[in-house]
Amino acid sequence: MVSNQSDPEKYLKPVAGKPQIFLAPELISPAKFKNMKLIPFYKLHDARYMTY
């Protein structure tokens, strides 16, 4: 996620019919990941992930 805004949460868009799942295409780079869904960390159980 990339932003120089003081309130990037205004770019989060809820996914209809999926509670706690969001899109943020204006904040995500590179372009090939623009449709990546943002989910709560606890839902990643038994999944591989990376954090920096």
PDB file of N, CA and C in Angstrom:
ATOM      1  N   MET A   1       0.848  -1.165   0.000  1.00  0.00           N
ATOM      2  CA  MET A   1       0.000   0.000   0.000  1.00  0.00           C
ATOM      3  C   MET A   1       0.893   1.226   0.000  1.00  0.00           C
ATOM      4  N   VAL A   2       0.488   2.199  -0.797  1.00  0.00           N
ATOM      5  CA  VAL A   2       1.275   3.412  -0.937  1.00  0.00           C
ATOM      6  C   VAL A   2       0.344   4.616  -0.842  1.00  0.00           C
ATOM      7  N   SER A   3       0.693   5.542   0.030  1.00  0.00           N
ATOM      8  CA  SER A   3      -0.118   6.762   0.139  1.00  0.00           C
ATOM      9  C   SER A   3       0.669   7.832   0.874  1.00  0.00           C
ATOM     10  N   ASN A   4       0.449   9.061   0.488  1.00  0.00           N
ATOM     11  CA  ASN A   4       0.994  10.180   1.243  1.00  0.00           C
ATOM     12  C   ASN A   4      -0.144  10.950   1.914  1.00  0.00           C
ATOM     13  N   GLN A   5      -1.323  10.362   1.920  1.00  0.00           N
ATOM     14  CA  GLN A   5      -2.499  10.961   2.545  1.00  0.00           C
ATOM     15  C   GLN A   5      -2.467  10.747   4.048  1.00  0.00           C
ATOM     16  N   SER A   6      -3.025  11.675   4.787  1.00  0.00           N
ATOM     17  CA  SER A   6      -3.075  11.527   6.239  1.00  0.00           C
ATOM     18  C   SER A   6      -4.222  10.614   6.678  1.00  0.00           C
ATOM     19  N   ASP A   7      -5.146  10.328   5.786  1.00  0.00           N
ATOM     20  CA  ASP A   7      -6.282   9.467   6.129  1.00  0.00           C
ATOM     21  C   ASP A   7      -6.556   8.453   5.005  1.00  0.00           C
ATOM     22  N   PRO A   8      -5.670   7.482   4.803  1.00  0.00           N
ATOM     23  CA  PRO A   8      -5.843   6.517   3.719  1.00  0.00           C
ATOM     24  C   PRO A   8      -7.081   5.638   3.865  1.00  0.00           C
ATOM     25  N   GLU A   9      -7.671   5.573   5.069  1.00  0.00           N
ATOM     26  CA  GLU A   9      -8.869   4.752   5.252  1.00  0.00           C
ATOM     27  C   GLU A   9     -10.039   5.203   4.380  1.00  0.00           C
ATOM     28  N   LYS A  10     -10.026   6.448   3.918  1.00  0.00           N
ATOM     29  CA  LYS A  10     -11.126   6.908   3.061  1.00  0.00           C
ATOM     30  C   LYS A  10     -11.101   6.223   1.689  1.00  0.00           C
ATOM     31  N   TYR A  11      -9.986   5.557   1.356  1.00  0.00           N
ATOM     32  CA  TYR A  11      -9.880   4.841   0.088  1.00  0.00           C
ATOM     33  C   TYR A  11     -10.300   3.382   0.186  1.00  0.00           C
ATOM     34  N   LEU A  12     -10.580   2.901   1.388  1.00  0.00           N
ATOM     35  CA  LEU A  12     -11.036   1.527   1.555  1.00  0.00           C
ATOM     36  C   LEU A  12     -12.480   1.415   1.092  1.00  0.00           C
ATOM     37  N   LYS A  13     -12.747   0.406   0.260  1.00  0.00           N
ATOM     38  CA  LYS A  13     -14.095   0.198  -0.264  1.00  0.00           C
ATOM     39  C   LYS A  13     -14.559  -1.195   0.154  1.00  0.00           C
ATOM     40  N   PRO A  14     -15.674  -1.300   0.893  1.00  0.00           N
ATOM     41  CA  PRO A  14     -16.152  -2.619   1.297  1.00  0.00           C
ATOM     42  C   PRO A  14     -16.599  -3.433   0.084  1.00  0.00           C
ATOM     43  N   VAL A  15     -16.376  -4.741   0.150  1.00  0.00           N
ATOM     44  CA  VAL A  15     -16.826  -5.654  -0.904  1.00  0.00           C
ATOM     45  C   VAL A  15     -18.249  -6.072  -0.546  1.00  0.00           C
ATOM     46  N   ALA A  16     -19.186  -5.838  -1.455  1.00  0.00           N
ATOM     47  CA  ALA A  16     -20.599  -6.135  -1.207  1.00  0.00           C
ATOM     48  C   ALA A  16     -20.807  -7.609  -0.874  1.00  0.00           C
ATOM     49  N   GLY A  17     -21.562  -7.855   0.188  1.00  0.00           N
ATOM     50  CA  GLY A  17     -21.901  -9.219   0.580  1.00  0.00           C
ATOM     51  C   GLY A  17     -20.791  -9.979   1.285  1.00  0.00           C
ATOM     52  N   LYS A  18     -19.652  -9.319   1.552  1.00  0.00           N
ATOM     53  CA  LYS A  18     -18.528  -9.973   2.228  1.00  0.00           C
ATOM     54  C   LYS A  18     -18.068  -9.086   3.382  1.00  0.00           C
ATOM     55  N   PRO A  19     -18.588  -9.354   4.581  1.00  0.00           N
ATOM     56  CA  PRO A  19     -18.208  -8.521   5.729  1.00  0.00           C
ATOM     57  C   PRO A  19     -16.709  -8.569   6.001  1.00  0.00           C
ATOM     58  N   GLN A  20     -16.166  -7.472   6.418  1.00  0.00           N
ATOM     59  CA  GLN A  20     -14.759  -7.305   6.798  1.00  0.00           C
ATOM     60  C   GLN A  20     -13.781  -7.505   5.638  1.00  0.00           C
ATOM     61  N   ILE A  21     -14.247  -7.406   4.399  1.00  0.00           N
ATOM     62  CA  ILE A  21     -13.360  -7.525   3.242  1.00  0.00           C
ATOM     63  C   ILE A  21     -13.432  -6.220   2.459  1.00  0.00           C
ATOM     64  N   PHE A  22     -12.244  -5.708   2.088  1.00  0.00           N
ATOM     65  CA  PHE A  22     -12.162  -4.406   1.445  1.00  0.00           C
ATOM     66  C   PHE A  22     -11.263  -4.440   0.221  1.00  0.00           C
ATOM     67  N   LEU A  23     -11.449  -3.466  -0.656  1.00  0.00           N
ATOM     68  CA  LEU A  23     -10.568  -3.190  -1.773  1.00  0.00           C
ATOM     69  C   LEU A  23     -10.005  -1.787  -1.559  1.00  0.00           C
ATOM     70  N   ALA A  24      -8.809  -1.543  -2.055  1.00  0.00           N
ATOM     71  CA  ALA A  24      -8.204  -0.210  -1.974  1.00  0.00           C
ATOM     72  C   ALA A  24      -7.340   0.017  -3.206  1.00  0.00           C
ATOM     73  N   PRO A  25      -7.939  -0.005  -4.396  1.00  0.00           N
ATOM     74  CA  PRO A  25      -7.142   0.077  -5.625  1.00  0.00           C
ATOM     75  C   PRO A  25      -6.302   1.342  -5.756  1.00  0.00           C
ATOM     76  N   GLU A  26      -6.723   2.452  -5.160  1.00  0.00           N
ATOM     77  CA  GLU A  26      -5.948   3.689  -5.254  1.00  0.00           C
ATOM     78  C   GLU A  26      -4.666   3.636  -4.428  1.00  0.00           C
ATOM     79  N   LEU A  27      -4.593   2.699  -3.478  1.00  0.00           N
ATOM     80  CA  LEU A  27      -3.447   2.612  -2.579  1.00  0.00           C
ATOM     81  C   LEU A  27      -2.498   1.467  -2.911  1.00  0.00           C
ATOM     82  N   ILE A  28      -2.928   0.550  -3.756  1.00  0.00           N
ATOM     83  CA  ILE A  28      -2.139  -0.661  -3.987  1.00  0.00           C
ATOM     84  C   ILE A  28      -1.307  -0.542  -5.254  1.00  0.00           C
ATOM     85  N   SER A  29      -0.060  -0.923  -5.098  1.00  0.00           N
ATOM     86  CA  SER A  29       0.879  -0.876  -6.205  1.00  0.00           C
ATOM     87  C   SER A  29       1.760  -2.108  -6.111  1.00  0.00           C
ATOM     88  N   PRO A  30       2.103  -2.724  -7.203  1.00  0.00           N
ATOM     89  CA  PRO A  30       1.939  -2.390  -8.609  1.00  0.00           C
ATOM     90  C   PRO A  30       0.523  -2.676  -9.112  1.00  0.00           C
ATOM     91  N   ALA A  31       0.251  -2.211 -10.311  1.00  0.00           N
ATOM     92  CA  ALA A  31      -1.093  -2.257 -10.884  1.00  0.00           C
ATOM     93  C   ALA A  31      -1.681  -3.657 -10.961  1.00  0.00           C
ATOM     94  N   LYS A  32      -0.851  -4.672 -11.124  1.00  0.00           N
ATOM     95  CA  LYS A  32      -1.405  -6.027 -11.260  1.00  0.00           C
ATOM     96  C   LYS A  32      -2.081  -6.506  -9.975  1.00  0.00           C
ATOM     97  N   PHE A  33      -1.885  -5.818  -8.855  1.00  0.00           N
ATOM     98  CA  PHE A  33      -2.516  -6.203  -7.595  1.00  0.00           C
ATOM     99  C   PHE A  33      -3.662  -5.271  -7.201  1.00  0.00           C
ATOM    100  N   LYS A  34      -4.117  -4.430  -8.095  1.00  0.00           N
ATOM    101  CA  LYS A  34      -5.164  -3.447  -7.773  1.00  0.00           C
ATOM    102  C   LYS A  34      -6.437  -4.077  -7.232  1.00  0.00           C
ATOM    103  N   ASN A  35      -6.756  -5.317  -7.635  1.00  0.00           N
ATOM    104  CA  ASN A  35      -7.989  -5.973  -7.188  1.00  0.00           C
ATOM    105  C   ASN A  35      -7.762  -6.906  -6.004  1.00  0.00           C
ATOM    106  N   MET A  36      -6.618  -6.776  -5.334  1.00  0.00           N
ATOM    107  CA  MET A  36      -6.333  -7.605  -4.179  1.00  0.00           C
ATOM    108  C   MET A  36      -7.304  -7.270  -3.048  1.00  0.00           C
ATOM    109  N   LYS A  37      -7.885  -8.301  -2.452  1.00  0.00           N
ATOM    110  CA  LYS A  37      -8.822  -8.102  -1.355  1.00  0.00           C
ATOM    111  C   LYS A  37      -8.057  -8.036  -0.037  1.00  0.00           C
ATOM    112  N   LEU A  38      -8.451  -7.089   0.792  1.00  0.00           N
ATOM    113  CA  LEU A  38      -7.853  -6.921   2.115  1.00  0.00           C
ATOM    114  C   LEU A  38      -8.777  -7.593   3.123  1.00  0.00           C
ATOM    115  N   ILE A  39      -8.231  -8.559   3.857  1.00  0.00           N
ATOM    116  CA  ILE A  39      -9.032  -9.311   4.815  1.00  0.00           C
ATOM    117  C   ILE A  39      -8.371  -9.213   6.190  1.00  0.00           C
ATOM    118  N   PRO A  40      -9.153  -9.490   7.255  1.00  0.00           N
ATOM    119  CA  PRO A  40      -8.561  -9.472   8.594  1.00  0.00           C
ATOM    120  C   PRO A  40      -7.460 -10.529   8.726  1.00  0.00           C
ATOM    121  N   PHE A  41      -6.436 -10.209   9.480  1.00  0.00           N
ATOM    122  CA  PHE A  41      -5.290 -11.098   9.642  1.00  0.00           C
ATOM    123  C   PHE A  41      -5.699 -12.471  10.185  1.00  0.00           C
ATOM    124  N   TYR A  42      -6.669 -12.519  11.098  1.00  0.00           N
ATOM    125  CA  TYR A  42      -7.051 -13.797  11.699  1.00  0.00           C
ATOM    126  C   TYR A  42      -7.643 -14.772  10.690  1.00  0.00           C
ATOM    127  N   LYS A  43      -8.129 -14.290   9.549  1.00  0.00           N
ATOM    128  CA  LYS A  43      -8.702 -15.180   8.525  1.00  0.00           C
ATOM    129  C   LYS A  43      -7.629 -15.853   7.676  1.00  0.00           C
ATOM    130  N   LEU A  44      -6.373 -15.571   7.925  1.00  0.00           N
ATOM    131  CA  LEU A  44      -5.278 -16.179   7.166  1.00  0.00           C
ATOM    132  C   LEU A  44      -4.802 -17.494   7.777  1.00  0.00           C
ATOM    133  N   HIS A  45      -5.524 -18.038   8.698  1.00  0.00           N
ATOM    134  CA  HIS A  45      -5.129 -19.283   9.351  1.00  0.00           C
ATOM    135  C   HIS A  45      -4.823 -20.357   8.311  1.00  0.00           C
ATOM    136  N   ASP A  46      -3.699 -21.021   8.464  1.00  0.00           N
ATOM    137  CA  ASP A  46      -3.233 -22.073   7.542  1.00  0.00           C
ATOM    138  C   ASP A  46      -2.964 -21.549   6.138  1.00  0.00           C
ATOM    139  N   ALA A  47      -2.604 -20.293   6.007  1.00  0.00           N
ATOM    140  CA  ALA A  47      -2.255 -19.714   4.707  1.00  0.00           C
ATOM    141  C   ALA A  47      -0.861 -19.106   4.791  1.00  0.00           C
ATOM    142  N   ARG A  48      -0.170 -19.091   3.681  1.00  0.00           N
ATOM    143  CA  ARG A  48       1.152 -18.458   3.641  1.00  0.00           C
ATOM    144  C   ARG A  48       0.956 -16.959   3.382  1.00  0.00           C
ATOM    145  N   TYR A  49       1.764 -16.166   4.018  1.00  0.00           N
ATOM    146  CA  TYR A  49       1.675 -14.724   3.863  1.00  0.00           C
ATOM    147  C   TYR A  49       3.025 -14.104   4.163  1.00  0.00           C
ATOM    148  N   MET A  50       3.157 -12.837   3.801  1.00  0.00           N
ATOM    149  CA  MET A  50       4.358 -12.067   4.109  1.00  0.00           C
ATOM    150  C   MET A  50       3.937 -10.718   4.674  1.00  0.00           C
ATOM    151  N   THR A  51       4.695 -10.248   5.630  1.00  0.00           N
ATOM    152  CA  THR A  51       4.510  -8.889   6.116  1.00  0.00           C
ATOM    153  C   THR A  51       5.884  -8.239   6.206  1.00  0.00           C
ATOM    154  N   TYR A  52       5.918  -6.954   6.010  1.00  0.00           N
ATOM    155  CA  TYR A  52       7.156  -6.202   6.096  1.00  0.00           C
ATOM    156  C   TYR A  52       6.998  -5.099   7.105  1.00  0.00           C
TER     157      TYR A  52
END
